[in-house]
Amino acid sequence: GPAVSSTPTVLIRRTLPDLLDGDSAVLECAITQLSSSDLYVTFQANGVDFPEKQYVDLPASKDHHSLTRRFSIPTSHWKKDNTFTCKVNQGYSNSWMSNSTGTLFGG
């Protein structure tokens, strides 16, 4: 039958080693229920894309894929009011946004 397209689940979180290390800030974007292979992942600060795109090349499959992408927050964005999100972009038409991290950097 036809492939069932589903909505992926996109979660953003800080990596556990990062929480223990005060000198870095690494975000992890965990994506599950992926059915398409033509994707890239972007990270945002306060809703504005960082320029880096992380392209994802998934093998064609009837099963759903899960993947994780990491992003180091530049020190220029270590501000107490900043919030972060990640987004999965499919072609030119679809995108799915994670929840917001909330503020990560206390001040």
PDB file of N, CA and C in Angstrom:
ATOM      1  N   GLY A   1       0.817  -1.192   0.000  1.00  0.00           N
ATOM      2  CA  GLY A   1       0.000   0.000   0.000  1.00  0.00           C
ATOM      3  C   GLY A   1       0.851   1.243   0.000  1.00  0.00           C
ATOM      4  N   PRO A   2       0.243   2.400  -0.066  1.00  0.00           N
ATOM      5  CA  PRO A   2       1.009   3.650  -0.081  1.00  0.00           C
ATOM      6  C   PRO A   2       1.713   3.869   1.249  1.00  0.00           C
ATOM      7  N   ALA A   3       2.842   4.542   1.190  1.00  0.00           N
ATOM      8  CA  ALA A   3       3.573   4.851   2.420  1.00  0.00           C
ATOM      9  C   ALA A   3       2.759   5.819   3.262  1.00  0.00           C
ATOM     10  N   VAL A   4       2.713   5.560   4.534  1.00  0.00           N
ATOM     11  CA  VAL A   4       1.992   6.438   5.438  1.00  0.00           C
ATOM     12  C   VAL A   4       2.946   7.533   5.902  1.00  0.00           C
ATOM     13  N   SER A   5       2.592   8.761   5.632  1.00  0.00           N
ATOM     14  CA  SER A   5       3.456   9.834   6.113  1.00  0.00           C
ATOM     15  C   SER A   5       2.977  10.215   7.506  1.00  0.00           C
ATOM     16  N   SER A   6       3.916  10.334   8.398  1.00  0.00           N
ATOM     17  CA  SER A   6       3.557  10.672   9.762  1.00  0.00           C
ATOM     18  C   SER A   6       4.268  11.953  10.138  1.00  0.00           C
ATOM     19  N   THR A   7       3.814  12.534  11.208  1.00  0.00           N
ATOM     20  CA  THR A   7       4.448  13.745  11.702  1.00  0.00           C
ATOM     21  C   THR A   7       5.589  13.359  12.627  1.00  0.00           C
ATOM     22  N   PRO A   8       6.798  13.797  12.326  1.00  0.00           N
ATOM     23  CA  PRO A   8       7.898  13.464  13.223  1.00  0.00           C
ATOM     24  C   PRO A   8       7.769  14.186  14.559  1.00  0.00           C
ATOM     25  N   THR A   9       8.378  13.602  15.551  1.00  0.00           N
ATOM     26  CA  THR A   9       8.467  14.219  16.867  1.00  0.00           C
ATOM     27  C   THR A   9       9.855  14.832  17.005  1.00  0.00           C
ATOM     28  N   VAL A  10       9.925  16.104  17.372  1.00  0.00           N
ATOM     29  CA  VAL A  10      11.200  16.820  17.453  1.00  0.00           C
ATOM     30  C   VAL A  10      11.373  17.330  18.885  1.00  0.00           C
ATOM     31  N   LEU A  11      12.437  16.885  19.517  1.00  0.00           N
ATOM     32  CA  LEU A  11      12.723  17.295  20.896  1.00  0.00           C
ATOM     33  C   LEU A  11      14.090  17.952  20.951  1.00  0.00           C
ATOM     34  N   ILE A  12      14.202  19.000  21.739  1.00  0.00           N
ATOM     35  CA  ILE A  12      15.507  19.621  21.940  1.00  0.00           C
ATOM     36  C   ILE A  12      15.870  19.490  23.408  1.00  0.00           C
ATOM     37  N   ARG A  13      17.145  19.257  23.651  1.00  0.00           N
ATOM     38  CA  ARG A  13      17.605  19.118  25.034  1.00  0.00           C
ATOM     39  C   ARG A  13      19.098  19.386  25.076  1.00  0.00           C
ATOM     40  N   ARG A  14      19.572  19.662  26.284  1.00  0.00           N
ATOM     41  CA  ARG A  14      21.017  19.751  26.453  1.00  0.00           C
ATOM     42  C   ARG A  14      21.554  18.357  26.674  1.00  0.00           C
ATOM     43  N   THR A  15      22.769  18.140  26.188  1.00  0.00           N
ATOM     44  CA  THR A  15      23.360  16.820  26.364  1.00  0.00           C
ATOM     45  C   THR A  15      23.796  16.662  27.809  1.00  0.00           C
ATOM     46  N   LEU A  16      23.743  15.436  28.300  1.00  0.00           N
ATOM     47  CA  LEU A  16      24.064  15.203  29.704  1.00  0.00           C
ATOM     48  C   LEU A  16      25.499  15.590  30.054  1.00  0.00           C
ATOM     49  N   PRO A  17      26.505  15.193  29.267  1.00  0.00           N
ATOM     50  CA  PRO A  17      27.870  15.624  29.624  1.00  0.00           C
ATOM     51  C   PRO A  17      27.970  17.142  29.686  1.00  0.00           C
ATOM     52  N   ASP A  18      27.216  17.809  28.834  1.00  0.00           N
ATOM     53  CA  ASP A  18      27.251  19.265  28.796  1.00  0.00           C
ATOM     54  C   ASP A  18      26.726  19.872  30.087  1.00  0.00           C
ATOM     55  N   LEU A  19      25.727  19.231  30.677  1.00  0.00           N
ATOM     56  CA  LEU A  19      25.170  19.770  31.912  1.00  0.00           C
ATOM     57  C   LEU A  19      26.194  19.735  33.034  1.00  0.00           C
ATOM     58  N   LEU A  20      27.158  18.819  32.920  1.00  0.00           N
ATOM     59  CA  LEU A  20      28.178  18.687  33.949  1.00  0.00           C
ATOM     60  C   LEU A  20      29.382  19.574  33.679  1.00  0.00           C
ATOM     61  N   ASP A  21      29.442  20.137  32.488  1.00  0.00           N
ATOM     62  CA  ASP A  21      30.612  20.920  32.080  1.00  0.00           C
ATOM     63  C   ASP A  21      30.168  22.347  31.835  1.00  0.00           C
ATOM     64  N   GLY A  22      30.603  23.258  32.687  1.00  0.00           N
ATOM     65  CA  GLY A  22      30.120  24.631  32.573  1.00  0.00           C
ATOM     66  C   GLY A  22      30.701  25.418  31.429  1.00  0.00           C
ATOM     67  N   ASP A  23      31.684  24.857  30.710  1.00  0.00           N
ATOM     68  CA  ASP A  23      32.388  25.647  29.695  1.00  0.00           C
ATOM     69  C   ASP A  23      31.896  25.394  28.273  1.00  0.00           C
ATOM     70  N   SER A  24      30.862  24.619  28.126  1.00  0.00           N
ATOM     71  CA  SER A  24      30.342  24.412  26.779  1.00  0.00           C
ATOM     72  C   SER A  24      28.832  24.360  26.848  1.00  0.00           C
ATOM     73  N   ALA A  25      28.227  24.497  25.704  1.00  0.00           N
ATOM     74  CA  ALA A  25      26.773  24.431  25.633  1.00  0.00           C
ATOM     75  C   ALA A  25      26.423  23.696  24.347  1.00  0.00           C
ATOM     76  N   VAL A  26      26.080  22.439  24.491  1.00  0.00           N
ATOM     77  CA  VAL A  26      25.766  21.616  23.336  1.00  0.00           C
ATOM     78  C   VAL A  26      24.297  21.222  23.415  1.00  0.00           C
ATOM     79  N   LEU A  27      23.596  21.483  22.336  1.00  0.00           N
ATOM     80  CA  LEU A  27      22.196  21.094  22.243  1.00  0.00           C
ATOM     81  C   LEU A  27      22.084  19.833  21.410  1.00  0.00           C
ATOM     82  N   GLU A  28      21.093  19.055  21.735  1.00  0.00           N
ATOM     83  CA  GLU A  28      20.837  17.824  21.002  1.00  0.00           C
ATOM     84  C   GLU A  28      19.410  17.918  20.467  1.00  0.00           C
ATOM     85  N   CYS A  29      19.255  17.633  19.193  1.00  0.00           N
ATOM     86  CA  CYS A  29      17.926  17.610  18.593  1.00  0.00           C
ATOM     87  C   CYS A  29      17.607  16.155  18.283  1.00  0.00           C
ATOM     88  N   ALA A  30      16.624  15.604  18.969  1.00  0.00           N
ATOM     89  CA  ALA A  30      16.252  14.203  18.795  1.00  0.00           C
ATOM     90  C   ALA A  30      14.963  14.136  17.997  1.00  0.00           C
ATOM     91  N   ILE A  31      15.021  13.408  16.890  1.00  0.00           N
ATOM     92  CA  ILE A  31      13.886  13.355  15.976  1.00  0.00           C
ATOM     93  C   ILE A  31      13.468  11.895  15.823  1.00  0.00           C
ATOM     94  N   THR A  32      12.195  11.623  16.033  1.00  0.00           N
ATOM     95  CA  THR A  32      11.673  10.273  15.862  1.00  0.00           C
ATOM     96  C   THR A  32      10.480  10.311  14.917  1.00  0.00           C
ATOM     97  N   GLN A  33      10.075   9.149  14.465  1.00  0.00           N
ATOM     98  CA  GLN A  33       8.941   9.010  13.540  1.00  0.00           C
ATOM     99  C   GLN A  33       9.207   9.701  12.205  1.00  0.00           C
ATOM    100  N   LEU A  34      10.458   9.647  11.755  1.00  0.00           N
ATOM    101  CA  LEU A  34      10.789  10.250  10.459  1.00  0.00           C
ATOM    102  C   LEU A  34      10.495   9.253   9.352  1.00  0.00           C
ATOM    103  N   SER A  35       9.845   9.724   8.310  1.00  0.00           N
ATOM    104  CA  SER A  35       9.567   8.835   7.191  1.00  0.00           C
ATOM    105  C   SER A  35      10.201   9.306   5.893  1.00  0.00           C
ATOM    106  N   SER A  36      10.689  10.529   5.864  1.00  0.00           N
ATOM    107  CA  SER A  36      11.260  11.058   4.630  1.00  0.00           C
ATOM    108  C   SER A  36      12.771  11.088   4.703  1.00  0.00           C
ATOM    109  N   SER A  37      13.409  11.046   3.542  1.00  0.00           N
ATOM    110  CA  SER A  37      14.867  11.034   3.534  1.00  0.00           C
ATOM    111  C   SER A  37      15.465  12.389   3.165  1.00  0.00           C
ATOM    112  N   ASP A  38      14.677  13.285   2.632  1.00  0.00           N
ATOM    113  CA  ASP A  38      15.203  14.561   2.136  1.00  0.00           C
ATOM    114  C   ASP A  38      15.040  15.634   3.204  1.00  0.00           C
ATOM    115  N   LEU A  39      15.982  15.668   4.136  1.00  0.00           N
ATOM    116  CA  LEU A  39      15.799  16.499   5.309  1.00  0.00           C
ATOM    117  C   LEU A  39      17.053  17.271   5.653  1.00  0.00           C
ATOM    118  N   TYR A  40      16.871  18.381   6.339  1.00  0.00           N
ATOM    119  CA  TYR A  40      17.992  18.981   7.037  1.00  0.00           C
ATOM    120  C   TYR A  40      17.485  19.581   8.343  1.00  0.00           C
ATOM    121  N   VAL A  41      18.408  19.698   9.283  1.00  0.00           N
ATOM    122  CA  VAL A  41      18.085  20.164  10.620  1.00  0.00           C
ATOM    123  C   VAL A  41      18.752  21.519  10.831  1.00  0.00           C
ATOM    124  N   THR A  42      18.001  22.463  11.377  1.00  0.00           N
ATOM    125  CA  THR A  42      18.568  23.758  11.737  1.00  0.00           C
ATOM    126  C   THR A  42      18.259  24.036  13.205  1.00  0.00           C
ATOM    127  N   PHE A  43      19.100  24.851  13.795  1.00  0.00           N
ATOM    128  CA  PHE A  43      18.880  25.293  15.173  1.00  0.00           C
ATOM    129  C   PHE A  43      18.608  26.786  15.169  1.00  0.00           C
ATOM    130  N   GLN A  44      17.810  27.223  16.135  1.00  0.00           N
ATOM    131  CA  GLN A  44      17.419  28.628  16.199  1.00  0.00           C
ATOM    132  C   GLN A  44      17.724  29.192  17.588  1.00  0.00           C
ATOM    133  N   ALA A  45      18.113  30.467  17.610  1.00  0.00           N
ATOM    134  CA  ALA A  45      18.165  31.237  18.857  1.00  0.00           C
ATOM    135  C   ALA A  45      17.081  32.296  18.762  1.00  0.00           C
ATOM    136  N   ASN A  46      16.156  32.271  19.703  1.00  0.00           N
ATOM    137  CA  ASN A  46      15.038  33.232  19.704  1.00  0.00           C
ATOM    138  C   ASN A  46      14.316  33.238  18.357  1.00  0.00           C
ATOM    139  N   GLY A  47      14.184  32.058  17.771  1.00  0.00           N
ATOM    140  CA  GLY A  47      13.429  31.932  16.530  1.00  0.00           C
ATOM    141  C   GLY A  47      14.199  32.260  15.268  1.00  0.00           C
ATOM    142  N   VAL A  48      15.461  32.651  15.385  1.00  0.00           N
ATOM    143  CA  VAL A  48      16.255  33.012  14.207  1.00  0.00           C
ATOM    144  C   VAL A  48      17.237  31.885  13.901  1.00  0.00           C
ATOM    145  N   ASP A  49      17.209  31.425  12.659  1.00  0.00           N
ATOM    146  CA  ASP A  49      18.071  30.302  12.274  1.00  0.00           C
ATOM    147  C   ASP A  49      19.553  30.641  12.413  1.00  0.00           C
ATOM    148  N   PHE A  50      20.313  29.707  12.975  1.00  0.00           N
ATOM    149  CA  PHE A  50      21.753  29.729  12.773  1.00  0.00           C
ATOM    150  C   PHE A  50      22.005  29.311  11.325  1.00  0.00           C
ATOM    151  N   PRO A  51      23.073  29.804  10.690  1.00  0.00           N
ATOM    152  CA  PRO A  51      23.268  29.518   9.262  1.00  0.00           C
ATOM    153  C   PRO A  51      23.582  28.053   8.960  1.00  0.00           C
ATOM    154  N   GLU A  52      24.100  27.343   9.929  1.00  0.00           N
ATOM    155  CA  GLU A  52      24.521  25.972   9.671  1.00  0.00           C
ATOM    156  C   GLU A  52      23.315  25.052   9.457  1.00  0.00           C
ATOM    157  N   LYS A  53      23.357  24.296   8.368  1.00  0.00           N
ATOM    158  CA  LYS A  53      22.326  23.290   8.097  1.00  0.00           C
ATOM    159  C   LYS A  53      22.960  21.916   8.180  1.00  0.00           C
ATOM    160  N   GLN A  54      22.320  21.020   8.875  1.00  0.00           N
ATOM    161  CA  GLN A  54      22.832  19.658   9.014  1.00  0.00           C
ATOM    162  C   GLN A  54      21.964  18.751   8.142  1.00  0.00           C
ATOM    163  N   TYR A  55      22.540  18.352   7.029  1.00  0.00           N
ATOM    164  CA  TYR A  55      21.776  17.544   6.076  1.00  0.00           C
ATOM    165  C   TYR A  55      21.727  16.093   6.539  1.00  0.00           C
ATOM    166  N   VAL A  56      20.589  15.481   6.286  1.00  0.00           N
ATOM    167  CA  VAL A  56      20.352  14.113   6.718  1.00  0.00           C
ATOM    168  C   VAL A  56      20.043  13.287   5.482  1.00  0.00           C
ATOM    169  N   ASP A  57      20.794  12.211   5.315  1.00  0.00           N
ATOM    170  CA  ASP A  57      20.549  11.321   4.195  1.00  0.00           C
ATOM    171  C   ASP A  57      20.126   9.969   4.749  1.00  0.00           C
ATOM    172  N   LEU A  58      18.833   9.704   4.729  1.00  0.00           N
ATOM    173  CA  LEU A  58      18.313   8.465   5.281  1.00  0.00           C
ATOM    174  C   LEU A  58      18.081   7.458   4.170  1.00  0.00           C
ATOM    175  N   PRO A  59      18.358   6.197   4.432  1.00  0.00           N
ATOM    176  CA  PRO A  59      18.044   5.187   3.428  1.00  0.00           C
ATOM    177  C   PRO A  59      16.528   5.053   3.272  1.00  0.00           C
ATOM    178  N   ALA A  60      16.105   4.764   2.077  1.00  0.00           N
ATOM    179  CA  ALA A  60      14.681   4.544   1.850  1.00  0.00           C
ATOM    180  C   ALA A  60      14.245   3.308   2.632  1.00  0.00           C
ATOM    181  N   SER A  61      13.118   3.434   3.298  1.00  0.00           N
ATOM    182  CA  SER A  61      12.683   2.355   4.169  1.00  0.00           C
ATOM    183  C   SER A  61      11.201   2.520   4.450  1.00  0.00           C
ATOM    184  N   LYS A  62      10.540   1.409   4.716  1.00  0.00           N
ATOM    185  CA  LYS A  62       9.143   1.497   5.136  1.00  0.00           C
ATOM    186  C   LYS A  62       9.041   1.825   6.619  1.00  0.00           C
ATOM    187  N   ASP A  63      10.141   1.631   7.316  1.00  0.00           N
ATOM    188  CA  ASP A  63      10.120   1.883   8.753  1.00  0.00           C
ATOM    189  C   ASP A  63      10.426   3.354   9.032  1.00  0.00           C
ATOM    190  N   HIS A  64      10.044   3.770  10.200  1.00  0.00           N
ATOM    191  CA  HIS A  64      10.377   5.137  10.615  1.00  0.00           C
ATOM    192  C   HIS A  64      11.797   5.179  11.139  1.00  0.00           C
ATOM    193  N   HIS A  65      12.412   6.311  10.953  1.00  0.00           N
ATOM    194  CA  HIS A  65      13.784   6.514  11.398  1.00  0.00           C
ATOM    195  C   HIS A  65      13.800   7.398  12.647  1.00  0.00           C
ATOM    196  N   SER A  66      14.868   7.250  13.399  1.00  0.00           N
ATOM    197  CA  SER A  66      15.147   8.162  14.499  1.00  0.00           C
ATOM    198  C   SER A  66      16.567   8.662  14.316  1.00  0.00           C
ATOM    199  N   LEU A  67      16.806   9.906  14.656  1.00  0.00           N
ATOM    200  CA  LEU A  67      18.175  10.402  14.567  1.00  0.00           C
ATOM    201  C   LEU A  67      18.364  11.538  15.551  1.00  0.00           C
ATOM    202  N   THR A  68      19.621  11.821  15.806  1.00  0.00           N
ATOM    203  CA  THR A  68      19.992  12.885  16.725  1.00  0.00           C
ATOM    204  C   THR A  68      21.047  13.755  16.062  1.00  0.00           C
ATOM    205  N   ARG A  69      20.897  15.045  16.196  1.00  0.00           N
ATOM    206  CA  ARG A  69      21.903  15.972  15.703  1.00  0.00           C
ATOM    207  C   ARG A  69      22.316  16.890  16.847  1.00  0.00           C
ATOM    208  N   ARG A  70      23.592  17.242  16.860  1.00  0.00           N
ATOM    209  CA  ARG A  70      24.101  18.092  17.933  1.00  0.00           C
ATOM    210  C   ARG A  70      24.551  19.439  17.380  1.00  0.00           C
ATOM    211  N   PHE A  71      24.520  20.411  18.260  1.00  0.00           N
ATOM    212  CA  PHE A  71      24.888  21.762  17.864  1.00  0.00           C
ATOM    213  C   PHE A  71      25.531  22.452  19.062  1.00  0.00           C
ATOM    214  N   SER A  72      26.721  23.025  18.851  1.00  0.00           N
ATOM    215  CA  SER A  72      27.389  23.794  19.909  1.00  0.00           C
ATOM    216  C   SER A  72      26.957  25.252  19.806  1.00  0.00           C
ATOM    217  N   ILE A  73      26.418  25.749  20.880  1.00  0.00           N
ATOM    218  CA  ILE A  73      25.963  27.143  20.883  1.00  0.00           C
ATOM    219  C   ILE A  73      27.182  28.065  20.918  1.00  0.00           C
ATOM    220  N   PRO A  74      27.295  28.973  19.962  1.00  0.00           N
ATOM    221  CA  PRO A  74      28.423  29.918  20.005  1.00  0.00           C
ATOM    222  C   PRO A  74      28.367  30.751  21.282  1.00  0.00           C
ATOM    223  N   THR A  75      29.536  31.079  21.817  1.00  0.00           N
ATOM    224  CA  THR A  75      29.572  31.824  23.075  1.00  0.00           C
ATOM    225  C   THR A  75      28.888  33.177  22.949  1.00  0.00           C
ATOM    226  N   SER A  76      28.813  33.707  21.743  1.00  0.00           N
ATOM    227  CA  SER A  76      28.134  34.997  21.567  1.00  0.00           C
ATOM    228  C   SER A  76      26.639  34.892  21.875  1.00  0.00           C
ATOM    229  N   HIS A  77      26.119  33.681  21.928  1.00  0.00           N
ATOM    230  CA  HIS A  77      24.696  33.478  22.217  1.00  0.00           C
ATOM    231  C   HIS A  77      24.460  32.996  23.646  1.00  0.00           C
ATOM    232  N   TRP A  78      25.480  33.013  24.465  1.00  0.00           N
ATOM    233  CA  TRP A  78      25.316  32.617  25.871  1.00  0.00           C
ATOM    234  C   TRP A  78      24.736  33.786  26.653  1.00  0.00           C
ATOM    235  N   LYS A  79      23.480  34.084  26.388  1.00  0.00           N
ATOM    236  CA  LYS A  79      22.826  35.218  27.036  1.00  0.00           C
ATOM    237  C   LYS A  79      21.622  34.704  27.802  1.00  0.00           C
ATOM    238  N   LYS A  80      21.349  35.347  28.903  1.00  0.00           N
ATOM    239  CA  LYS A  80      20.355  34.777  29.797  1.00  0.00           C
ATOM    240  C   LYS A  80      18.943  34.806  29.216  1.00  0.00           C
ATOM    241  N   ASP A  81      18.681  35.686  28.269  1.00  0.00           N
ATOM    242  CA  ASP A  81      17.326  35.744  27.714  1.00  0.00           C
ATOM    243  C   ASP A  81      17.141  34.848  26.494  1.00  0.00           C
ATOM    244  N   ASN A  82      18.216  34.234  26.010  1.00  0.00           N
ATOM    245  CA  ASN A  82      18.105  33.443  24.790  1.00  0.00           C
ATOM    246  C   ASN A  82      17.391  32.124  25.045  1.00  0.00           C
ATOM    247  N   THR A  83      16.551  31.751  24.098  1.00  0.00           N
ATOM    248  CA  THR A  83      15.953  30.424  24.097  1.00  0.00           C
ATOM    249  C   THR A  83      16.283  29.769  22.758  1.00  0.00           C
ATOM    250  N   PHE A  84      16.264  28.457  22.739  1.00  0.00           N
ATOM    251  CA  PHE A  84      16.729  27.722  21.567  1.00  0.00           C
ATOM    252  C   PHE A  84      15.706  26.688  21.139  1.00  0.00           C
ATOM    253  N   THR A  85      15.665  26.483  19.834  1.00  0.00           N
ATOM    254  CA  THR A  85      14.807  25.457  19.256  1.00  0.00           C
ATOM    255  C   THR A  85      15.579  24.765  18.143  1.00  0.00           C
ATOM    256  N   CYS A  86      15.077  23.625  17.718  1.00  0.00           N
ATOM    257  CA  CYS A  86      15.594  23.016  16.497  1.00  0.00           C
ATOM    258  C   CYS A  86      14.410  22.704  15.591  1.00  0.00           C
ATOM    259  N   LYS A  87      14.724  22.610  14.314  1.00  0.00           N
ATOM    260  CA  LYS A  87      13.665  22.441  13.328  1.00  0.00           C
ATOM    261  C   LYS A  87      14.124  21.431  12.288  1.00  0.00           C
ATOM    262  N   VAL A  88      13.214  20.546  11.913  1.00  0.00           N
ATOM    263  CA  VAL A  88      13.452  19.614  10.828  1.00  0.00           C
ATOM    264  C   VAL A  88      12.774  20.176   9.589  1.00  0.00           C
ATOM    265  N   ASN A  89      13.535  20.312   8.516  1.00  0.00           N
ATOM    266  CA  ASN A  89      13.027  20.903   7.279  1.00  0.00           C
ATOM    267  C   ASN A  89      13.005  19.831   6.206  1.00  0.00           C
ATOM    268  N   GLN A  90      11.850  19.686   5.561  1.00  0.00           N
ATOM    269  CA  GLN A  90      11.689  18.683   4.514  1.00  0.00           C
ATOM    270  C   GLN A  90      11.376  19.395   3.217  1.00  0.00           C
ATOM    271  N   GLY A  91      12.334  19.319   2.287  1.00  0.00           N
ATOM    272  CA  GLY A  91      12.129  20.012   1.026  1.00  0.00           C
ATOM    273  C   GLY A  91      11.872  21.494   1.267  1.00  0.00           C
ATOM    274  N   TYR A  92      10.967  22.057   0.498  1.00  0.00           N
ATOM    275  CA  TYR A  92      10.648  23.473   0.665  1.00  0.00           C
ATOM    276  C   TYR A  92       9.313  23.663   1.367  1.00  0.00           C
ATOM    277  N   SER A  93       8.626  22.567   1.628  1.00  0.00           N
ATOM    278  CA  SER A  93       7.235  22.716   2.035  1.00  0.00           C
ATOM    279  C   SER A  93       7.002  22.470   3.514  1.00  0.00           C
ATOM    280  N   ASN A  94       7.608  21.436   4.073  1.00  0.00           N
ATOM    281  CA  ASN A  94       7.268  21.049   5.430  1.00  0.00           C
ATOM    282  C   ASN A  94       8.394  21.334   6.396  1.00  0.00           C
ATOM    283  N   SER A  95       8.035  21.718   7.595  1.00  0.00           N
ATOM    284  CA  SER A  95       9.026  21.805   8.659  1.00  0.00           C
ATOM    285  C   SER A  95       8.325  21.531   9.979  1.00  0.00           C
ATOM    286  N   TRP A  96       9.094  20.987  10.904  1.00  0.00           N
ATOM    287  CA  TRP A  96       8.564  20.678  12.232  1.00  0.00           C
ATOM    288  C   TRP A  96       9.507  21.257  13.267  1.00  0.00           C
ATOM    289  N   MET A  97       8.952  22.020  14.189  1.00  0.00           N
ATOM    290  CA  MET A  97       9.752  22.725  15.183  1.00  0.00           C
ATOM    291  C   MET A  97       9.664  21.996  16.518  1.00  0.00           C
ATOM    292  N   SER A  98      10.782  22.014  17.227  1.00  0.00           N
ATOM    293  CA  SER A  98      10.769  21.477  18.584  1.00  0.00           C
ATOM    294  C   SER A  98      10.104  22.470  19.532  1.00  0.00           C
ATOM    295  N   ASN A  99       9.915  22.024  20.754  1.00  0.00           N
ATOM    296  CA  ASN A  99       9.578  22.956  21.819  1.00  0.00           C
ATOM    297  C   ASN A  99      10.786  23.847  22.096  1.00  0.00           C
ATOM    298  N   SER A 100      10.610  24.875  22.848  1.00  0.00           N
ATOM    299  CA  SER A 100      11.733  25.750  23.206  1.00  0.00           C
ATOM    300  C   SER A 100      12.461  25.199  24.419  1.00  0.00           C
ATOM    301  N   THR A 101      13.765  25.464  24.463  1.00  0.00           N
ATOM    302  CA  THR A 101      14.530  25.055  25.639  1.00  0.00           C
ATOM    303  C   THR A 101      14.147  25.861  26.873  1.00  0.00           C
ATOM    304  N   GLY A 102      13.507  27.023  26.686  1.00  0.00           N
ATOM    305  CA  GLY A 102      13.469  27.963  27.785  1.00  0.00           C
ATOM    306  C   GLY A 102      14.861  28.572  27.933  1.00  0.00           C
ATOM    307  N   THR A 103      15.046  29.423  28.897  1.00  0.00           N
ATOM    308  CA  THR A 103      16.351  30.065  29.039  1.00  0.00           C
ATOM    309  C   THR A 103      17.324  29.085  29.671  1.00  0.00           C
ATOM    310  N   LEU A 104      18.506  28.970  29.071  1.00  0.00           N
ATOM    311  CA  LEU A 104      19.523  28.035  29.529  1.00  0.00           C
ATOM    312  C   LEU A 104      20.573  28.701  30.399  1.00  0.00           C
ATOM    313  N   PHE A 105      20.830  29.963  30.140  1.00  0.00           N
ATOM    314  CA  PHE A 105      21.939  30.640  30.776  1.00  0.00           C
ATOM    315  C   PHE A 105      21.413  31.591  31.844  1.00  0.00           C
ATOM    316  N   GLY A 106      21.564  31.186  33.065  1.00  0.00           N
ATOM    317  CA  GLY A 106      21.117  32.051  34.157  1.00  0.00           C
ATOM    318  C   GLY A 106      21.987  33.296  34.227  1.00  0.00           C
ATOM    319  N   GLY A 107      21.466  34.335  34.777  1.00  0.00           N
ATOM    320  CA  GLY A 107      22.259  35.544  34.842  1.00  0.00           C
ATOM    321  C   GLY A 107      21.960  36.310  36.100  1.00  0.00           C
TER     322      GLY A 107
END
